[in-house]
Amino acid sequence: MPGGQAPGGGERQFGSIETIGRTAQDELRVVLGLLRDGEDGTAPLAPAPRLIDVKDLAGTVRAAGVPVELRMEGTDRRLSPSLELSVYRVVQEALTNVVKHAPGARAAVELTVSAGKVRLDVRDDGGPGGGAPRAGLGTGHGITGMRERIGAFGGWLVAGPAAGGGFRVTAEVPVGGAAS
């Protein structure tokens, strides 16, 4: 390719994936540092992402060239830190998949916290190909990981092709669910 440029703004997309990956790596270092009982514990204690941080995540994905429509309700309500982190990670994985697997797609995220549950819906329109099957979806470990995160709190997650084209991830988890 001329000038080493990725087609269709791929550089921005790869930059977004890199930023998201580095953030996850930094957070993993913090967790591992906390688990090393008795060691010097020099890992920085950065706060874990919360539901309200989904706004910043959507901004990062937008900067990668993927339009993201975001609707959040009740996310100012404090939940257990582990539940907030798990839901945040599911949104992160779903949006990362849009960046990686649906170039040119538009994404929409709906995140609602009510008295009894957290409901999440992340969907994309499939991009210029609309409902074209996604080549190279990989091994599906990302979807498996999302299901495990939500299942740990007694919730459910469904991921797959959306009616009318694109891809959709929908999850619901009880607010009082306990991680196993």
N, C-alpha and C. Protein backbone atom coordinates (compact mmCIF):
# COMPACT_ATOMS: atom_id res chain seq x y z
N MET A 1 0.83 -1.19 0.00
CA MET A 1 0.00 0.00 0.00
C MET A 1 0.87 1.24 0.00
N PRO A 2 0.49 2.26 -0.72
CA PRO A 2 1.30 3.47 -0.80
C PRO A 2 1.50 4.09 0.57
N GLY A 3 2.76 4.41 0.86
CA GLY A 3 3.06 5.11 2.10
C GLY A 3 2.84 4.30 3.35
N GLY A 4 2.60 3.00 3.25
CA GLY A 4 2.40 2.16 4.42
C GLY A 4 1.10 2.41 5.15
N GLN A 5 0.17 3.10 4.52
CA GLN A 5 -1.10 3.42 5.16
C GLN A 5 -2.06 2.24 5.08
N ALA A 6 -2.79 2.00 6.12
CA ALA A 6 -3.83 0.98 6.12
C ALA A 6 -5.05 1.56 5.41
N PRO A 7 -5.77 0.74 4.64
CA PRO A 7 -6.94 1.26 3.94
C PRO A 7 -8.06 1.66 4.89
N GLY A 8 -8.84 2.65 4.48
CA GLY A 8 -10.06 3.01 5.21
C GLY A 8 -9.82 3.51 6.62
N GLY A 9 -8.72 4.21 6.86
CA GLY A 9 -8.50 4.75 8.21
C GLY A 9 -8.09 3.69 9.21
N GLY A 10 -7.47 2.63 8.73
CA GLY A 10 -7.07 1.53 9.61
C GLY A 10 -6.11 1.94 10.70
N GLU A 11 -5.28 2.96 10.42
CA GLU A 11 -4.34 3.39 11.45
C GLU A 11 -5.06 3.84 12.71
N ARG A 12 -6.14 4.61 12.54
CA ARG A 12 -6.91 5.06 13.71
C ARG A 12 -7.50 3.86 14.44
N GLN A 13 -8.00 2.88 13.68
CA GLN A 13 -8.61 1.71 14.29
C GLN A 13 -7.57 0.92 15.08
N PHE A 14 -6.40 0.72 14.48
CA PHE A 14 -5.35 -0.01 15.19
C PHE A 14 -4.88 0.76 16.41
N GLY A 15 -4.85 2.09 16.30
CA GLY A 15 -4.47 2.91 17.46
C GLY A 15 -5.47 2.75 18.59
N SER A 16 -6.76 2.68 18.26
CA SER A 16 -7.79 2.49 19.28
C SER A 16 -7.65 1.13 19.94
N ILE A 17 -7.44 0.11 19.12
CA ILE A 17 -7.26 -1.24 19.66
C ILE A 17 -6.05 -1.27 20.58
N GLU A 18 -4.96 -0.60 20.16
CA GLU A 18 -3.75 -0.57 20.97
C GLU A 18 -4.02 0.13 22.31
N THR A 19 -4.73 1.26 22.28
CA THR A 19 -5.04 1.99 23.52
C THR A 19 -5.87 1.14 24.46
N ILE A 20 -6.89 0.49 23.93
CA ILE A 20 -7.74 -0.36 24.76
C ILE A 20 -6.93 -1.51 25.34
N GLY A 21 -6.10 -2.11 24.51
CA GLY A 21 -5.26 -3.23 24.97
C GLY A 21 -4.28 -2.81 26.05
N ARG A 22 -3.64 -1.66 25.86
CA ARG A 22 -2.68 -1.18 26.87
C ARG A 22 -3.37 -0.88 28.20
N THR A 23 -4.57 -0.30 28.12
CA THR A 23 -5.32 -0.02 29.35
C THR A 23 -5.62 -1.32 30.09
N ALA A 24 -6.08 -2.32 29.36
CA ALA A 24 -6.38 -3.62 29.99
C ALA A 24 -5.12 -4.22 30.58
N GLN A 25 -4.00 -4.10 29.87
CA GLN A 25 -2.73 -4.64 30.35
C GLN A 25 -2.30 -3.92 31.64
N ASP A 26 -2.42 -2.60 31.66
CA ASP A 26 -2.07 -1.84 32.87
C ASP A 26 -2.92 -2.26 34.06
N GLU A 27 -4.23 -2.45 33.81
CA GLU A 27 -5.11 -2.86 34.90
C GLU A 27 -4.78 -4.27 35.39
N LEU A 28 -4.38 -5.14 34.47
CA LEU A 28 -3.98 -6.49 34.87
C LEU A 28 -2.73 -6.44 35.75
N ARG A 29 -1.81 -5.55 35.41
CA ARG A 29 -0.61 -5.39 36.25
C ARG A 29 -0.98 -4.97 37.66
N VAL A 30 -1.96 -4.06 37.77
CA VAL A 30 -2.40 -3.60 39.09
C VAL A 30 -2.98 -4.78 39.87
N VAL A 31 -3.85 -5.55 39.23
CA VAL A 31 -4.47 -6.70 39.91
C VAL A 31 -3.40 -7.70 40.34
N LEU A 32 -2.46 -8.01 39.45
CA LEU A 32 -1.40 -8.95 39.79
C LEU A 32 -0.55 -8.41 40.93
N GLY A 33 -0.30 -7.10 40.92
CA GLY A 33 0.45 -6.49 42.01
C GLY A 33 -0.26 -6.64 43.35
N LEU A 34 -1.58 -6.51 43.34
CA LEU A 34 -2.34 -6.66 44.57
C LEU A 34 -2.36 -8.12 45.04
N LEU A 35 -2.31 -9.05 44.10
CA LEU A 35 -2.34 -10.46 44.45
C LEU A 35 -1.00 -10.98 44.95
N ARG A 36 0.07 -10.26 44.69
CA ARG A 36 1.39 -10.68 45.15
C ARG A 36 1.55 -10.33 46.62
N ASP A 37 0.95 -11.11 47.45
CA ASP A 37 0.98 -10.87 48.89
C ASP A 37 2.41 -10.95 49.40
N GLY A 38 2.85 -9.93 50.11
CA GLY A 38 4.17 -9.95 50.70
C GLY A 38 5.26 -9.35 49.83
N GLU A 39 4.99 -9.08 48.56
CA GLU A 39 6.00 -8.44 47.72
C GLU A 39 5.92 -6.94 47.93
N ASP A 40 6.81 -6.20 47.28
CA ASP A 40 6.89 -4.77 47.56
C ASP A 40 5.66 -3.97 47.16
N GLY A 41 4.81 -4.49 46.30
CA GLY A 41 3.54 -3.83 45.96
C GLY A 41 3.70 -2.46 45.35
N THR A 42 4.65 -2.31 44.41
CA THR A 42 4.89 -1.00 43.83
C THR A 42 3.95 -0.69 42.66
N ALA A 43 3.04 -1.59 42.34
CA ALA A 43 2.11 -1.33 41.23
C ALA A 43 1.22 -0.14 41.57
N PRO A 44 1.01 0.75 40.62
CA PRO A 44 0.14 1.90 40.90
C PRO A 44 -1.29 1.43 41.13
N LEU A 45 -1.96 2.08 42.05
CA LEU A 45 -3.33 1.70 42.38
C LEU A 45 -4.32 2.60 41.64
N ALA A 46 -4.44 2.36 40.35
CA ALA A 46 -5.41 3.11 39.55
C ALA A 46 -6.80 2.55 39.80
N PRO A 47 -7.81 3.40 39.85
CA PRO A 47 -9.16 2.89 40.07
C PRO A 47 -9.62 2.05 38.89
N ALA A 48 -10.36 1.00 39.19
CA ALA A 48 -10.92 0.15 38.14
C ALA A 48 -12.00 0.94 37.40
N PRO A 49 -12.15 0.68 36.11
CA PRO A 49 -13.20 1.38 35.37
C PRO A 49 -14.58 1.11 35.96
N ARG A 50 -15.43 2.11 35.88
CA ARG A 50 -16.82 2.02 36.35
C ARG A 50 -17.74 2.19 35.15
N LEU A 51 -19.02 2.01 35.38
CA LEU A 51 -20.00 2.16 34.30
C LEU A 51 -19.94 3.55 33.68
N ILE A 52 -19.75 4.56 34.49
CA ILE A 52 -19.71 5.93 33.99
C ILE A 52 -18.56 6.12 33.01
N ASP A 53 -17.52 5.29 33.12
CA ASP A 53 -16.35 5.37 32.24
C ASP A 53 -16.63 4.84 30.84
N VAL A 54 -17.79 4.26 30.62
CA VAL A 54 -18.17 3.81 29.28
C VAL A 54 -18.21 5.01 28.34
N LYS A 55 -18.50 6.21 28.85
CA LYS A 55 -18.49 7.42 28.02
C LYS A 55 -17.12 7.64 27.41
N ASP A 56 -16.07 7.51 28.22
CA ASP A 56 -14.71 7.69 27.72
C ASP A 56 -14.34 6.58 26.73
N LEU A 57 -14.78 5.37 27.01
CA LEU A 57 -14.53 4.25 26.11
C LEU A 57 -15.16 4.52 24.75
N ALA A 58 -16.40 4.99 24.73
CA ALA A 58 -17.07 5.32 23.47
C ALA A 58 -16.30 6.42 22.73
N GLY A 59 -15.76 7.36 23.47
CA GLY A 59 -14.95 8.41 22.86
C GLY A 59 -13.70 7.87 22.20
N THR A 60 -13.07 6.90 22.83
CA THR A 60 -11.88 6.26 22.26
C THR A 60 -12.22 5.55 20.95
N VAL A 61 -13.35 4.87 20.93
CA VAL A 61 -13.78 4.16 19.73
C VAL A 61 -14.15 5.15 18.63
N ARG A 62 -14.80 6.25 19.02
CA ARG A 62 -15.11 7.29 18.04
C ARG A 62 -13.83 7.85 17.41
N ALA A 63 -12.81 8.04 18.24
CA ALA A 63 -11.53 8.55 17.74
C ALA A 63 -10.90 7.58 16.74
N ALA A 64 -11.27 6.32 16.81
CA ALA A 64 -10.77 5.32 15.86
C ALA A 64 -11.58 5.35 14.57
N GLY A 65 -12.57 6.22 14.48
CA GLY A 65 -13.34 6.37 13.26
C GLY A 65 -14.65 5.61 13.23
N VAL A 66 -15.05 5.04 14.37
CA VAL A 66 -16.32 4.31 14.42
C VAL A 66 -17.35 5.18 15.13
N PRO A 67 -18.38 5.63 14.42
CA PRO A 67 -19.42 6.41 15.08
C PRO A 67 -20.12 5.54 16.14
N VAL A 68 -20.23 6.06 17.35
CA VAL A 68 -20.87 5.33 18.44
C VAL A 68 -21.98 6.19 19.02
N GLU A 69 -23.19 5.66 18.98
CA GLU A 69 -24.32 6.30 19.64
C GLU A 69 -24.40 5.68 21.03
N LEU A 70 -24.45 6.51 22.05
CA LEU A 70 -24.42 6.03 23.43
C LEU A 70 -25.64 6.51 24.19
N ARG A 71 -26.35 5.56 24.80
CA ARG A 71 -27.49 5.90 25.66
C ARG A 71 -27.28 5.19 26.99
N MET A 72 -27.20 5.97 28.06
CA MET A 72 -26.97 5.41 29.39
C MET A 72 -28.02 5.96 30.35
N GLU A 73 -28.58 5.06 31.15
CA GLU A 73 -29.55 5.47 32.17
C GLU A 73 -29.22 4.77 33.48
N GLY A 74 -29.22 5.52 34.55
CA GLY A 74 -29.01 4.94 35.87
C GLY A 74 -27.58 4.55 36.18
N THR A 75 -26.64 4.93 35.32
CA THR A 75 -25.25 4.49 35.50
C THR A 75 -24.51 5.27 36.58
N ASP A 76 -25.15 6.30 37.13
CA ASP A 76 -24.54 7.02 38.24
C ASP A 76 -24.76 6.28 39.56
N ARG A 77 -25.60 5.27 39.53
CA ARG A 77 -25.87 4.46 40.71
C ARG A 77 -24.68 3.55 40.98
N ARG A 78 -24.21 3.52 42.24
CA ARG A 78 -23.05 2.69 42.59
C ARG A 78 -23.48 1.24 42.73
N LEU A 79 -22.73 0.39 42.06
CA LEU A 79 -22.90 -1.06 42.16
C LEU A 79 -21.61 -1.63 42.73
N SER A 80 -21.55 -2.93 42.88
CA SER A 80 -20.30 -3.50 43.36
C SER A 80 -19.21 -3.22 42.33
N PRO A 81 -18.00 -2.91 42.79
CA PRO A 81 -16.91 -2.62 41.85
C PRO A 81 -16.66 -3.76 40.87
N SER A 82 -16.79 -5.00 41.32
CA SER A 82 -16.55 -6.12 40.42
C SER A 82 -17.63 -6.22 39.34
N LEU A 83 -18.87 -5.91 39.67
CA LEU A 83 -19.94 -5.93 38.67
C LEU A 83 -19.74 -4.80 37.67
N GLU A 84 -19.41 -3.61 38.16
CA GLU A 84 -19.17 -2.48 37.26
C GLU A 84 -18.03 -2.78 36.31
N LEU A 85 -16.94 -3.35 36.83
CA LEU A 85 -15.79 -3.70 35.99
C LEU A 85 -16.17 -4.74 34.95
N SER A 86 -16.92 -5.74 35.35
CA SER A 86 -17.32 -6.79 34.41
C SER A 86 -18.19 -6.26 33.28
N VAL A 87 -19.16 -5.42 33.60
CA VAL A 87 -20.03 -4.86 32.57
C VAL A 87 -19.20 -3.93 31.66
N TYR A 88 -18.33 -3.13 32.24
CA TYR A 88 -17.46 -2.26 31.44
C TYR A 88 -16.64 -3.10 30.46
N ARG A 89 -16.08 -4.19 30.93
CA ARG A 89 -15.24 -5.05 30.08
C ARG A 89 -16.06 -5.67 28.94
N VAL A 90 -17.30 -6.01 29.19
CA VAL A 90 -18.15 -6.56 28.13
C VAL A 90 -18.38 -5.49 27.05
N VAL A 91 -18.67 -4.27 27.47
CA VAL A 91 -18.85 -3.18 26.50
C VAL A 91 -17.54 -2.98 25.73
N GLN A 92 -16.43 -2.99 26.44
CA GLN A 92 -15.12 -2.81 25.81
C GLN A 92 -14.85 -3.87 24.75
N GLU A 93 -15.10 -5.11 25.09
CA GLU A 93 -14.88 -6.22 24.14
C GLU A 93 -15.80 -6.10 22.94
N ALA A 94 -17.06 -5.78 23.18
CA ALA A 94 -18.02 -5.66 22.08
C ALA A 94 -17.63 -4.53 21.13
N LEU A 95 -17.21 -3.39 21.66
CA LEU A 95 -16.81 -2.27 20.80
C LEU A 95 -15.49 -2.56 20.10
N THR A 96 -14.58 -3.23 20.77
CA THR A 96 -13.32 -3.62 20.13
C THR A 96 -13.61 -4.53 18.95
N ASN A 97 -14.57 -5.42 19.09
CA ASN A 97 -14.94 -6.31 17.99
C ASN A 97 -15.52 -5.54 16.81
N VAL A 98 -16.25 -4.47 17.08
CA VAL A 98 -16.77 -3.64 15.99
C VAL A 98 -15.60 -3.02 15.23
N VAL A 99 -14.64 -2.47 15.97
CA VAL A 99 -13.47 -1.83 15.35
C VAL A 99 -12.71 -2.86 14.50
N LYS A 100 -12.51 -4.04 15.04
CA LYS A 100 -11.70 -5.06 14.36
C LYS A 100 -12.42 -5.75 13.21
N HIS A 101 -13.69 -6.05 13.38
CA HIS A 101 -14.38 -6.94 12.45
C HIS A 101 -15.42 -6.28 11.55
N ALA A 102 -15.72 -5.01 11.77
CA ALA A 102 -16.76 -4.35 10.96
C ALA A 102 -16.31 -2.95 10.54
N PRO A 103 -15.26 -2.90 9.72
CA PRO A 103 -14.79 -1.58 9.27
C PRO A 103 -15.91 -0.78 8.61
N GLY A 104 -16.01 0.48 8.99
CA GLY A 104 -17.02 1.35 8.43
C GLY A 104 -18.38 1.25 9.09
N ALA A 105 -18.49 0.39 10.10
CA ALA A 105 -19.78 0.21 10.78
C ALA A 105 -20.07 1.37 11.71
N ARG A 106 -21.34 1.52 12.02
CA ARG A 106 -21.81 2.43 13.07
C ARG A 106 -22.22 1.54 14.24
N ALA A 107 -21.93 1.99 15.46
CA ALA A 107 -22.25 1.20 16.65
C ALA A 107 -23.22 1.96 17.53
N ALA A 108 -23.98 1.23 18.31
CA ALA A 108 -24.89 1.81 19.29
C ALA A 108 -24.76 1.02 20.59
N VAL A 109 -24.66 1.73 21.69
CA VAL A 109 -24.56 1.12 23.02
C VAL A 109 -25.70 1.65 23.87
N GLU A 110 -26.45 0.74 24.46
CA GLU A 110 -27.49 1.10 25.43
C GLU A 110 -27.14 0.39 26.73
N LEU A 111 -27.01 1.16 27.78
CA LEU A 111 -26.67 0.63 29.09
C LEU A 111 -27.63 1.21 30.10
N THR A 112 -28.43 0.33 30.73
CA THR A 112 -29.46 0.78 31.67
C THR A 112 -29.31 0.05 32.99
N VAL A 113 -29.25 0.81 34.06
CA VAL A 113 -29.22 0.24 35.41
C VAL A 113 -30.55 0.58 36.07
N SER A 114 -31.28 -0.44 36.48
CA SER A 114 -32.54 -0.24 37.20
C SER A 114 -32.36 -0.80 38.60
N ALA A 115 -33.42 -0.79 39.38
CA ALA A 115 -33.34 -1.27 40.76
C ALA A 115 -32.88 -2.72 40.84
N GLY A 116 -33.26 -3.52 39.87
CA GLY A 116 -32.96 -4.94 39.98
C GLY A 116 -31.97 -5.51 39.00
N LYS A 117 -31.61 -4.75 37.94
CA LYS A 117 -30.74 -5.36 36.93
C LYS A 117 -29.97 -4.31 36.13
N VAL A 118 -28.94 -4.81 35.47
CA VAL A 118 -28.19 -4.03 34.49
C VAL A 118 -28.49 -4.67 33.15
N ARG A 119 -28.89 -3.85 32.20
CA ARG A 119 -29.21 -4.34 30.84
C ARG A 119 -28.26 -3.64 29.88
N LEU A 120 -27.69 -4.42 28.97
CA LEU A 120 -26.70 -3.93 28.03
C LEU A 120 -27.03 -4.41 26.63
N ASP A 121 -26.91 -3.51 25.67
CA ASP A 121 -27.11 -3.87 24.28
C ASP A 121 -26.07 -3.10 23.46
N VAL A 122 -25.21 -3.83 22.77
CA VAL A 122 -24.21 -3.24 21.88
C VAL A 122 -24.46 -3.83 20.51
N ARG A 123 -24.68 -2.97 19.52
CA ARG A 123 -24.93 -3.49 18.18
C ARG A 123 -24.24 -2.61 17.16
N ASP A 124 -24.01 -3.23 16.00
CA ASP A 124 -23.47 -2.46 14.88
C ASP A 124 -24.28 -2.79 13.64
N ASP A 125 -24.14 -1.94 12.63
CA ASP A 125 -24.92 -2.13 11.41
C ASP A 125 -24.18 -2.95 10.36
N GLY A 126 -22.99 -3.46 10.68
CA GLY A 126 -22.23 -4.28 9.75
C GLY A 126 -21.38 -3.50 8.79
N GLY A 127 -21.49 -2.19 8.80
CA GLY A 127 -20.68 -1.38 7.91
C GLY A 127 -21.20 -1.39 6.49
N PRO A 128 -20.36 -1.02 5.55
CA PRO A 128 -20.79 -0.93 4.16
C PRO A 128 -21.35 -2.24 3.60
N GLY A 129 -20.90 -3.37 4.12
CA GLY A 129 -21.41 -4.67 3.67
C GLY A 129 -22.72 -5.05 4.32
N GLY A 130 -23.17 -4.24 5.29
CA GLY A 130 -24.43 -4.52 5.99
C GLY A 130 -24.40 -5.84 6.72
N GLY A 131 -25.09 -6.82 6.19
CA GLY A 131 -25.20 -8.11 6.87
C GLY A 131 -24.22 -9.14 6.39
N ALA A 132 -23.16 -8.72 5.68
CA ALA A 132 -22.18 -9.67 5.18
C ALA A 132 -21.54 -10.43 6.34
N PRO A 133 -21.32 -11.74 6.17
CA PRO A 133 -20.66 -12.49 7.23
C PRO A 133 -19.28 -11.92 7.51
N ARG A 134 -18.87 -11.98 8.73
CA ARG A 134 -17.59 -11.41 9.13
C ARG A 134 -16.49 -12.46 8.98
N ALA A 135 -15.56 -12.16 8.13
CA ALA A 135 -14.43 -13.06 7.95
C ALA A 135 -13.48 -12.89 9.12
N GLY A 136 -12.85 -13.95 9.53
CA GLY A 136 -11.82 -13.88 10.55
C GLY A 136 -12.32 -13.50 11.92
N LEU A 137 -13.47 -13.99 12.30
CA LEU A 137 -13.98 -13.67 13.64
C LEU A 137 -13.13 -14.29 14.74
N GLY A 138 -12.23 -15.17 14.40
CA GLY A 138 -11.35 -15.73 15.40
C GLY A 138 -11.97 -16.94 16.07
N THR A 139 -11.46 -17.23 17.25
CA THR A 139 -11.85 -18.44 17.95
C THR A 139 -13.08 -18.26 18.82
N GLY A 140 -13.54 -17.04 18.99
CA GLY A 140 -14.72 -16.82 19.81
C GLY A 140 -14.43 -16.73 21.29
N HIS A 141 -13.15 -16.65 21.67
CA HIS A 141 -12.82 -16.55 23.10
C HIS A 141 -13.31 -15.25 23.70
N GLY A 142 -13.40 -14.19 22.89
CA GLY A 142 -13.91 -12.92 23.40
C GLY A 142 -15.36 -13.04 23.81
N ILE A 143 -16.16 -13.70 22.99
CA ILE A 143 -17.57 -13.89 23.32
C ILE A 143 -17.69 -14.82 24.52
N THR A 144 -16.89 -15.86 24.55
CA THR A 144 -16.90 -16.78 25.69
C THR A 144 -16.55 -16.02 26.97
N GLY A 145 -15.54 -15.17 26.89
CA GLY A 145 -15.14 -14.38 28.06
C GLY A 145 -16.24 -13.44 28.52
N MET A 146 -16.96 -12.83 27.56
CA MET A 146 -18.07 -11.94 27.93
C MET A 146 -19.15 -12.74 28.65
N ARG A 147 -19.48 -13.93 28.12
CA ARG A 147 -20.50 -14.77 28.76
C ARG A 147 -20.07 -15.17 30.18
N GLU A 148 -18.80 -15.49 30.34
CA GLU A 148 -18.30 -15.88 31.66
C GLU A 148 -18.37 -14.72 32.64
N ARG A 149 -18.01 -13.53 32.20
CA ARG A 149 -18.06 -12.35 33.08
C ARG A 149 -19.49 -12.11 33.58
N ILE A 150 -20.45 -12.15 32.66
CA ILE A 150 -21.84 -11.90 33.02
C ILE A 150 -22.42 -13.07 33.81
N GLY A 151 -22.09 -14.29 33.40
CA GLY A 151 -22.57 -15.49 34.09
C GLY A 151 -22.10 -15.57 35.54
N ALA A 152 -20.93 -15.01 35.82
CA ALA A 152 -20.40 -15.03 37.19
C ALA A 152 -21.31 -14.27 38.16
N PHE A 153 -22.15 -13.40 37.63
CA PHE A 153 -23.08 -12.62 38.45
C PHE A 153 -24.52 -13.11 38.31
N GLY A 154 -24.70 -14.27 37.72
CA GLY A 154 -26.04 -14.83 37.57
C GLY A 154 -26.81 -14.26 36.39
N GLY A 155 -26.11 -13.65 35.45
CA GLY A 155 -26.76 -13.05 34.30
C GLY A 155 -26.61 -13.91 33.05
N TRP A 156 -27.05 -13.36 31.94
CA TRP A 156 -26.96 -14.06 30.65
C TRP A 156 -26.47 -13.09 29.59
N LEU A 157 -25.89 -13.65 28.53
CA LEU A 157 -25.39 -12.86 27.42
C LEU A 157 -25.63 -13.63 26.13
N VAL A 158 -26.14 -12.94 25.12
CA VAL A 158 -26.35 -13.51 23.79
C VAL A 158 -25.58 -12.65 22.81
N ALA A 159 -24.83 -13.29 21.92
CA ALA A 159 -24.07 -12.56 20.90
C ALA A 159 -24.21 -13.27 19.57
N GLY A 160 -24.46 -12.50 18.51
CA GLY A 160 -24.58 -13.09 17.19
C GLY A 160 -25.07 -12.10 16.18
N PRO A 161 -25.26 -12.58 14.95
CA PRO A 161 -25.75 -11.70 13.89
C PRO A 161 -27.09 -11.07 14.28
N ALA A 162 -27.22 -9.80 13.93
CA ALA A 162 -28.45 -9.06 14.26
C ALA A 162 -29.42 -9.14 13.10
N ALA A 163 -30.69 -9.11 13.42
CA ALA A 163 -31.72 -9.05 12.38
C ALA A 163 -31.50 -7.78 11.57
N GLY A 164 -31.51 -7.89 10.28
CA GLY A 164 -31.31 -6.74 9.42
C GLY A 164 -29.85 -6.42 9.13
N GLY A 165 -28.93 -7.23 9.66
CA GLY A 165 -27.51 -7.03 9.39
C GLY A 165 -26.73 -6.58 10.61
N GLY A 166 -25.45 -6.77 10.54
CA GLY A 166 -24.59 -6.37 11.64
C GLY A 166 -24.50 -7.45 12.71
N PHE A 167 -24.07 -7.04 13.88
CA PHE A 167 -23.83 -7.95 15.00
C PHE A 167 -24.37 -7.32 16.26
N ARG A 168 -24.80 -8.14 17.21
CA ARG A 168 -25.41 -7.64 18.44
C ARG A 168 -24.96 -8.45 19.63
N VAL A 169 -24.68 -7.75 20.72
CA VAL A 169 -24.37 -8.37 22.01
C VAL A 169 -25.39 -7.81 23.00
N THR A 170 -26.16 -8.70 23.61
CA THR A 170 -27.17 -8.29 24.59
C THR A 170 -26.91 -9.07 25.87
N ALA A 171 -26.97 -8.37 27.00
CA ALA A 171 -26.74 -9.02 28.29
C ALA A 171 -27.64 -8.41 29.35
N GLU A 172 -27.93 -9.21 30.34
CA GLU A 172 -28.69 -8.76 31.49
C GLU A 172 -28.12 -9.45 32.71
N VAL A 173 -27.92 -8.69 33.77
CA VAL A 173 -27.36 -9.24 34.99
C VAL A 173 -28.06 -8.62 36.19
N PRO A 174 -28.44 -9.47 37.17
CA PRO A 174 -29.10 -8.91 38.35
C PRO A 174 -28.11 -8.04 39.16
N VAL A 175 -28.63 -6.95 39.68
CA VAL A 175 -27.80 -6.05 40.47
C VAL A 175 -27.27 -6.74 41.72
N GLY A 176 -28.08 -7.60 42.32
CA GLY A 176 -27.67 -8.28 43.54
C GLY A 176 -26.90 -9.56 43.30
N GLY A 177 -26.59 -9.89 42.04
CA GLY A 177 -25.88 -11.13 41.72
C GLY A 177 -24.50 -11.11 42.33
N ALA A 178 -24.05 -12.25 42.75
CA ALA A 178 -22.72 -12.35 43.36
C ALA A 178 -21.79 -13.09 42.44
N ALA A 179 -20.58 -12.58 42.29
CA ALA A 179 -19.59 -13.27 41.48
C ALA A 179 -19.13 -14.52 42.22
N SER A 180 -19.01 -15.59 41.43
CA SER A 180 -18.57 -16.85 42.07
C SER A 180 -17.08 -16.93 42.10
